[in-house]
Amino acid sequence: MPNLSVKELNYIKDFLSWELLMVKKCNQYASQEVDPIFKGVFNNVGQIHQQNYLDLLTYLQQQPNQGGVLQ
């Protein structure tokens, strides 16, 4: 597997940030929602974003050392 460029790694780091933000927002909206249907929607969407975050993180952890770019 070829090494990722710094630009590609930065894109992935941005995606991680966006996914984590969406998880937090979905959890916040779900906690404020009184309608059980919408509460379930926010919880489900939050779980999808959390899985996306974990998948990206796992991918990054499998990459060879990129000279400290991931810190």
PDB file of N, CA and C in Angstrom:
ATOM      1  N   MET A   1       0.842  -1.167   0.000  1.00  0.00           N
ATOM      2  CA  MET A   1       0.000   0.000   0.000  1.00  0.00           C
ATOM      3  C   MET A   1       0.896   1.242   0.000  1.00  0.00           C
ATOM      4  N   PRO A   2       0.683   2.158  -0.950  1.00  0.00           N
ATOM      5  CA  PRO A   2       1.534   3.345  -1.000  1.00  0.00           C
ATOM      6  C   PRO A   2       1.248   4.277   0.173  1.00  0.00           C
ATOM      7  N   ASN A   3       2.295   5.017   0.558  1.00  0.00           N
ATOM      8  CA  ASN A   3       2.117   5.990   1.629  1.00  0.00           C
ATOM      9  C   ASN A   3       1.197   7.109   1.168  1.00  0.00           C
ATOM     10  N   LEU A   4       0.464   7.658   2.110  1.00  0.00           N
ATOM     11  CA  LEU A   4      -0.406   8.778   1.810  1.00  0.00           C
ATOM     12  C   LEU A   4       0.405  10.074   1.823  1.00  0.00           C
ATOM     13  N   SER A   5       0.004  11.003   0.990  1.00  0.00           N
ATOM     14  CA  SER A   5       0.662  12.313   0.993  1.00  0.00           C
ATOM     15  C   SER A   5       0.193  13.103   2.212  1.00  0.00           C
ATOM     16  N   VAL A   6       0.918  14.143   2.523  1.00  0.00           N
ATOM     17  CA  VAL A   6       0.547  15.012   3.641  1.00  0.00           C
ATOM     18  C   VAL A   6      -0.838  15.614   3.388  1.00  0.00           C
ATOM     19  N   LYS A   7      -1.107  16.000   2.160  1.00  0.00           N
ATOM     20  CA  LYS A   7      -2.408  16.574   1.810  1.00  0.00           C
ATOM     21  C   LYS A   7      -3.530  15.564   2.042  1.00  0.00           C
ATOM     22  N   GLU A   8      -3.315  14.322   1.639  1.00  0.00           N
ATOM     23  CA  GLU A   8      -4.323  13.279   1.856  1.00  0.00           C
ATOM     24  C   GLU A   8      -4.546  13.025   3.344  1.00  0.00           C
ATOM     25  N   LEU A   9      -3.469  12.997   4.104  1.00  0.00           N
ATOM     26  CA  LEU A   9      -3.597  12.815   5.551  1.00  0.00           C
ATOM     27  C   LEU A   9      -4.349  13.972   6.195  1.00  0.00           C
ATOM     28  N   ASN A  10      -4.100  15.168   5.738  1.00  0.00           N
ATOM     29  CA  ASN A  10      -4.814  16.323   6.285  1.00  0.00           C
ATOM     30  C   ASN A  10      -6.299  16.273   5.948  1.00  0.00           C
ATOM     31  N   TYR A  11      -6.648  15.794   4.750  1.00  0.00           N
ATOM     32  CA  TYR A  11      -8.056  15.612   4.406  1.00  0.00           C
ATOM     33  C   TYR A  11      -8.713  14.607   5.355  1.00  0.00           C
ATOM     34  N   ILE A  12      -8.032  13.512   5.605  1.00  0.00           N
ATOM     35  CA  ILE A  12      -8.582  12.488   6.495  1.00  0.00           C
ATOM     36  C   ILE A  12      -8.726  13.032   7.912  1.00  0.00           C
ATOM     37  N   LYS A  13      -7.746  13.809   8.363  1.00  0.00           N
ATOM     38  CA  LYS A  13      -7.849  14.422   9.686  1.00  0.00           C
ATOM     39  C   LYS A  13      -9.042  15.375   9.749  1.00  0.00           C
ATOM     40  N   ASP A  14      -9.289  16.122   8.676  1.00  0.00           N
ATOM     41  CA  ASP A  14     -10.470  16.988   8.626  1.00  0.00           C
ATOM     42  C   ASP A  14     -11.752  16.157   8.695  1.00  0.00           C
ATOM     43  N   PHE A  15     -11.796  15.058   7.949  1.00  0.00           N
ATOM     44  CA  PHE A  15     -12.972  14.188   7.991  1.00  0.00           C
ATOM     45  C   PHE A  15     -13.217  13.668   9.406  1.00  0.00           C
ATOM     46  N   LEU A  16     -12.130  13.301  10.093  1.00  0.00           N
ATOM     47  CA  LEU A  16     -12.263  12.841  11.477  1.00  0.00           C
ATOM     48  C   LEU A  16     -12.903  13.922  12.347  1.00  0.00           C
ATOM     49  N   SER A  17     -12.446  15.134  12.194  1.00  0.00           N
ATOM     50  CA  SER A  17     -12.992  16.249  12.978  1.00  0.00           C
ATOM     51  C   SER A  17     -14.475  16.453  12.670  1.00  0.00           C
ATOM     52  N   TRP A  18     -14.825  16.407  11.395  1.00  0.00           N
ATOM     53  CA  TRP A  18     -16.224  16.611  11.008  1.00  0.00           C
ATOM     54  C   TRP A  18     -17.114  15.489  11.534  1.00  0.00           C
ATOM     55  N   GLU A  19     -16.635  14.261  11.436  1.00  0.00           N
ATOM     56  CA  GLU A  19     -17.433  13.133  11.930  1.00  0.00           C
ATOM     57  C   GLU A  19     -17.631  13.233  13.444  1.00  0.00           C
ATOM     58  N   LEU A  20     -16.573  13.575  14.168  1.00  0.00           N
ATOM     59  CA  LEU A  20     -16.684  13.708  15.618  1.00  0.00           C
ATOM     60  C   LEU A  20     -17.649  14.828  15.975  1.00  0.00           C
ATOM     61  N   LEU A  21     -17.602  15.936  15.261  1.00  0.00           N
ATOM     62  CA  LEU A  21     -18.530  17.032  15.500  1.00  0.00           C
ATOM     63  C   LEU A  21     -19.972  16.580  15.278  1.00  0.00           C
ATOM     64  N   MET A  22     -20.200  15.824  14.212  1.00  0.00           N
ATOM     65  CA  MET A  22     -21.560  15.347  13.930  1.00  0.00           C
ATOM     66  C   MET A  22     -22.058  14.377  14.999  1.00  0.00           C
ATOM     67  N   VAL A  23     -21.169  13.537  15.518  1.00  0.00           N
ATOM     68  CA  VAL A  23     -21.550  12.633  16.608  1.00  0.00           C
ATOM     69  C   VAL A  23     -22.011  13.454  17.802  1.00  0.00           C
ATOM     70  N   LYS A  24     -21.245  14.470  18.151  1.00  0.00           N
ATOM     71  CA  LYS A  24     -21.588  15.311  19.302  1.00  0.00           C
ATOM     72  C   LYS A  24     -22.899  16.052  19.082  1.00  0.00           C
ATOM     73  N   LYS A  25     -23.091  16.596  17.882  1.00  0.00           N
ATOM     74  CA  LYS A  25     -24.325  17.322  17.591  1.00  0.00           C
ATOM     75  C   LYS A  25     -25.537  16.393  17.613  1.00  0.00           C
ATOM     76  N   CYS A  26     -25.414  15.221  17.033  1.00  0.00           N
ATOM     77  CA  CYS A  26     -26.535  14.270  17.031  1.00  0.00           C
ATOM     78  C   CYS A  26     -26.886  13.843  18.449  1.00  0.00           C
ATOM     79  N   ASN A  27     -25.873  13.602  19.266  1.00  0.00           N
ATOM     80  CA  ASN A  27     -26.131  13.245  20.660  1.00  0.00           C
ATOM     81  C   ASN A  27     -26.809  14.384  21.407  1.00  0.00           C
ATOM     82  N   GLN A  28     -26.381  15.608  21.150  1.00  0.00           N
ATOM     83  CA  GLN A  28     -26.993  16.767  21.790  1.00  0.00           C
ATOM     84  C   GLN A  28     -28.450  16.906  21.358  1.00  0.00           C
ATOM     85  N   TYR A  29     -28.717  16.805  20.049  1.00  0.00           N
ATOM     86  CA  TYR A  29     -30.086  16.935  19.554  1.00  0.00           C
ATOM     87  C   TYR A  29     -30.965  15.812  20.083  1.00  0.00           C
ATOM     88  N   ALA A  30     -30.427  14.604  20.146  1.00  0.00           N
ATOM     89  CA  ALA A  30     -31.211  13.471  20.660  1.00  0.00           C
ATOM     90  C   ALA A  30     -31.571  13.683  22.128  1.00  0.00           C
ATOM     91  N   SER A  31     -30.659  14.256  22.896  1.00  0.00           N
ATOM     92  CA  SER A  31     -30.939  14.472  24.320  1.00  0.00           C
ATOM     93  C   SER A  31     -31.976  15.563  24.543  1.00  0.00           C
ATOM     94  N   GLN A  32     -32.122  16.471  23.576  1.00  0.00           N
ATOM     95  CA  GLN A  32     -33.086  17.562  23.703  1.00  0.00           C
ATOM     96  C   GLN A  32     -34.440  17.233  23.078  1.00  0.00           C
ATOM     97  N   GLU A  33     -34.490  16.212  22.273  1.00  0.00           N
ATOM     98  CA  GLU A  33     -35.703  15.877  21.539  1.00  0.00           C
ATOM     99  C   GLU A  33     -36.693  15.147  22.441  1.00  0.00           C
ATOM    100  N   VAL A  34     -37.981  15.507  22.311  1.00  0.00           N
ATOM    101  CA  VAL A  34     -39.016  14.837  23.099  1.00  0.00           C
ATOM    102  C   VAL A  34     -39.783  13.808  22.272  1.00  0.00           C
ATOM    103  N   ASP A  35     -39.824  13.990  20.964  1.00  0.00           N
ATOM    104  CA  ASP A  35     -40.502  13.038  20.086  1.00  0.00           C
ATOM    105  C   ASP A  35     -39.620  11.804  19.936  1.00  0.00           C
ATOM    106  N   PRO A  36     -40.141  10.619  20.322  1.00  0.00           N
ATOM    107  CA  PRO A  36     -39.302   9.414  20.256  1.00  0.00           C
ATOM    108  C   PRO A  36     -38.846   9.052  18.840  1.00  0.00           C
ATOM    109  N   ILE A  37     -39.626   9.406  17.842  1.00  0.00           N
ATOM    110  CA  ILE A  37     -39.224   9.097  16.460  1.00  0.00           C
ATOM    111  C   ILE A  37     -37.998   9.915  16.084  1.00  0.00           C
ATOM    112  N   PHE A  38     -38.044  11.230  16.350  1.00  0.00           N
ATOM    113  CA  PHE A  38     -36.902  12.075  16.030  1.00  0.00           C
ATOM    114  C   PHE A  38     -35.701  11.747  16.905  1.00  0.00           C
ATOM    115  N   LYS A  39     -35.955  11.420  18.148  1.00  0.00           N
ATOM    116  CA  LYS A  39     -34.870  11.018  19.048  1.00  0.00           C
ATOM    117  C   LYS A  39     -34.145   9.799  18.471  1.00  0.00           C
ATOM    118  N   GLY A  40     -34.926   8.835  17.964  1.00  0.00           N
ATOM    119  CA  GLY A  40     -34.345   7.644  17.347  1.00  0.00           C
ATOM    120  C   GLY A  40     -33.563   7.967  16.089  1.00  0.00           C
ATOM    121  N   VAL A  41     -34.081   8.907  15.297  1.00  0.00           N
ATOM    122  CA  VAL A  41     -33.374   9.321  14.073  1.00  0.00           C
ATOM    123  C   VAL A  41     -32.021   9.919  14.433  1.00  0.00           C
ATOM    124  N   PHE A  42     -32.001  10.837  15.405  1.00  0.00           N
ATOM    125  CA  PHE A  42     -30.738  11.458  15.809  1.00  0.00           C
ATOM    126  C   PHE A  42     -29.768  10.424  16.377  1.00  0.00           C
ATOM    127  N   ASN A  43     -30.283   9.485  17.152  1.00  0.00           N
ATOM    128  CA  ASN A  43     -29.423   8.439  17.703  1.00  0.00           C
ATOM    129  C   ASN A  43     -28.834   7.570  16.593  1.00  0.00           C
ATOM    130  N   ASN A  44     -29.671   7.190  15.626  1.00  0.00           N
ATOM    131  CA  ASN A  44     -29.190   6.357  14.516  1.00  0.00           C
ATOM    132  C   ASN A  44     -28.148   7.082  13.669  1.00  0.00           C
ATOM    133  N   VAL A  45     -28.425   8.338  13.354  1.00  0.00           N
ATOM    134  CA  VAL A  45     -27.480   9.109  12.548  1.00  0.00           C
ATOM    135  C   VAL A  45     -26.175   9.301  13.324  1.00  0.00           C
ATOM    136  N   GLY A  46     -26.266   9.547  14.619  1.00  0.00           N
ATOM    137  CA  GLY A  46     -25.077   9.679  15.443  1.00  0.00           C
ATOM    138  C   GLY A  46     -24.238   8.415  15.438  1.00  0.00           C
ATOM    139  N   GLN A  47     -24.900   7.256  15.467  1.00  0.00           N
ATOM    140  CA  GLN A  47     -24.177   5.986  15.432  1.00  0.00           C
ATOM    141  C   GLN A  47     -23.473   5.796  14.083  1.00  0.00           C
ATOM    142  N   ILE A  48     -24.102   6.226  13.016  1.00  0.00           N
ATOM    143  CA  ILE A  48     -23.476   6.130  11.690  1.00  0.00           C
ATOM    144  C   ILE A  48     -22.224   6.997  11.635  1.00  0.00           C
ATOM    145  N   HIS A  49     -22.321   8.219  12.135  1.00  0.00           N
ATOM    146  CA  HIS A  49     -21.159   9.103  12.145  1.00  0.00           C
ATOM    147  C   HIS A  49     -20.064   8.562  13.060  1.00  0.00           C
ATOM    148  N   GLN A  50     -20.465   7.954  14.166  1.00  0.00           N
ATOM    149  CA  GLN A  50     -19.464   7.371  15.062  1.00  0.00           C
ATOM    150  C   GLN A  50     -18.740   6.216  14.375  1.00  0.00           C
ATOM    151  N   GLN A  51     -19.480   5.396  13.634  1.00  0.00           N
ATOM    152  CA  GLN A  51     -18.849   4.289  12.918  1.00  0.00           C
ATOM    153  C   GLN A  51     -17.926   4.819  11.829  1.00  0.00           C
ATOM    154  N   ASN A  52     -18.345   5.884  11.134  1.00  0.00           N
ATOM    155  CA  ASN A  52     -17.472   6.502  10.132  1.00  0.00           C
ATOM    156  C   ASN A  52     -16.177   6.985  10.773  1.00  0.00           C
ATOM    157  N   TYR A  53     -16.292   7.617  11.934  1.00  0.00           N
ATOM    158  CA  TYR A  53     -15.125   8.107  12.660  1.00  0.00           C
ATOM    159  C   TYR A  53     -14.186   6.949  13.002  1.00  0.00           C
ATOM    160  N   LEU A  54     -14.754   5.877  13.545  1.00  0.00           N
ATOM    161  CA  LEU A  54     -13.933   4.726  13.931  1.00  0.00           C
ATOM    162  C   LEU A  54     -13.280   4.064  12.724  1.00  0.00           C
ATOM    163  N   ASP A  55     -13.995   3.998  11.600  1.00  0.00           N
ATOM    164  CA  ASP A  55     -13.427   3.419  10.380  1.00  0.00           C
ATOM    165  C   ASP A  55     -12.245   4.253   9.877  1.00  0.00           C
ATOM    166  N   LEU A  56     -12.405   5.569   9.879  1.00  0.00           N
ATOM    167  CA  LEU A  56     -11.304   6.443   9.461  1.00  0.00           C
ATOM    168  C   LEU A  56     -10.110   6.318  10.406  1.00  0.00           C
ATOM    169  N   LEU A  57     -10.383   6.286  11.693  1.00  0.00           N
ATOM    170  CA  LEU A  57      -9.312   6.164  12.669  1.00  0.00           C
ATOM    171  C   LEU A  57      -8.566   4.847  12.503  1.00  0.00           C
ATOM    172  N   THR A  58      -9.292   3.768  12.293  1.00  0.00           N
ATOM    173  CA  THR A  58      -8.672   2.464  12.074  1.00  0.00           C
ATOM    174  C   THR A  58      -7.810   2.490  10.819  1.00  0.00           C
ATOM    175  N   TYR A  59      -8.311   3.119   9.771  1.00  0.00           N
ATOM    176  CA  TYR A  59      -7.546   3.231   8.534  1.00  0.00           C
ATOM    177  C   TYR A  59      -6.232   3.966   8.777  1.00  0.00           C
ATOM    178  N   LEU A  60      -6.301   5.080   9.487  1.00  0.00           N
ATOM    179  CA  LEU A  60      -5.087   5.845   9.767  1.00  0.00           C
ATOM    180  C   LEU A  60      -4.105   5.051  10.610  1.00  0.00           C
ATOM    181  N   GLN A  61      -4.598   4.297  11.549  1.00  0.00           N
ATOM    182  CA  GLN A  61      -3.725   3.517  12.418  1.00  0.00           C
ATOM    183  C   GLN A  61      -3.029   2.393  11.661  1.00  0.00           C
ATOM    184  N   GLN A  62      -3.591   1.973  10.536  1.00  0.00           N
ATOM    185  CA  GLN A  62      -2.993   0.908   9.738  1.00  0.00           C
ATOM    186  C   GLN A  62      -1.933   1.431   8.774  1.00  0.00           C
ATOM    187  N   GLN A  63      -1.858   2.759   8.622  1.00  0.00           N
ATOM    188  CA  GLN A  63      -0.883   3.345   7.700  1.00  0.00           C
ATOM    189  C   GLN A  63       0.502   3.316   8.335  1.00  0.00           C
ATOM    190  N   PRO A  64       1.531   3.174   7.499  1.00  0.00           N
ATOM    191  CA  PRO A  64       2.897   3.243   8.036  1.00  0.00           C
ATOM    192  C   PRO A  64       3.155   4.627   8.617  1.00  0.00           C
ATOM    193  N   ASN A  65       4.124   4.707   9.484  1.00  0.00           N
ATOM    194  CA  ASN A  65       4.454   5.975  10.127  1.00  0.00           C
ATOM    195  C   ASN A  65       4.688   7.046   9.082  1.00  0.00           C
ATOM    196  N   GLN A  66       3.998   8.150   9.227  1.00  0.00           N
ATOM    197  CA  GLN A  66       4.062   9.228   8.240  1.00  0.00           C
ATOM    198  C   GLN A  66       4.920  10.393   8.721  1.00  0.00           C
ATOM    199  N   GLY A  67       5.887  10.131   9.557  1.00  0.00           N
ATOM    200  CA  GLY A  67       6.786  11.192   9.991  1.00  0.00           C
ATOM    201  C   GLY A  67       6.164  12.172  10.956  1.00  0.00           C
ATOM    202  N   GLY A  68       5.225  11.706  11.779  1.00  0.00           N
ATOM    203  CA  GLY A  68       4.632  12.561  12.790  1.00  0.00           C
ATOM    204  C   GLY A  68       3.472  13.414  12.305  1.00  0.00           C
ATOM    205  N   VAL A  69       3.003  13.193  11.095  1.00  0.00           N
ATOM    206  CA  VAL A  69       1.913  14.012  10.563  1.00  0.00           C
ATOM    207  C   VAL A  69       0.612  13.771  11.325  1.00  0.00           C
ATOM    208  N   LEU A  70       0.438  12.586  11.897  1.00  0.00           N
ATOM    209  CA  LEU A  70      -0.824  12.242  12.554  1.00  0.00           C
ATOM    210  C   LEU A  70      -0.944  12.791  13.972  1.00  0.00           C
ATOM    211  N   GLN A  71       0.093  13.358  14.528  1.00  0.00           N
ATOM    212  CA  GLN A  71      -0.007  13.856  15.894  1.00  0.00           C
ATOM    213  C   GLN A  71      -0.781  15.136  15.938  1.00  0.00           C
TER     214      GLN A  71
END
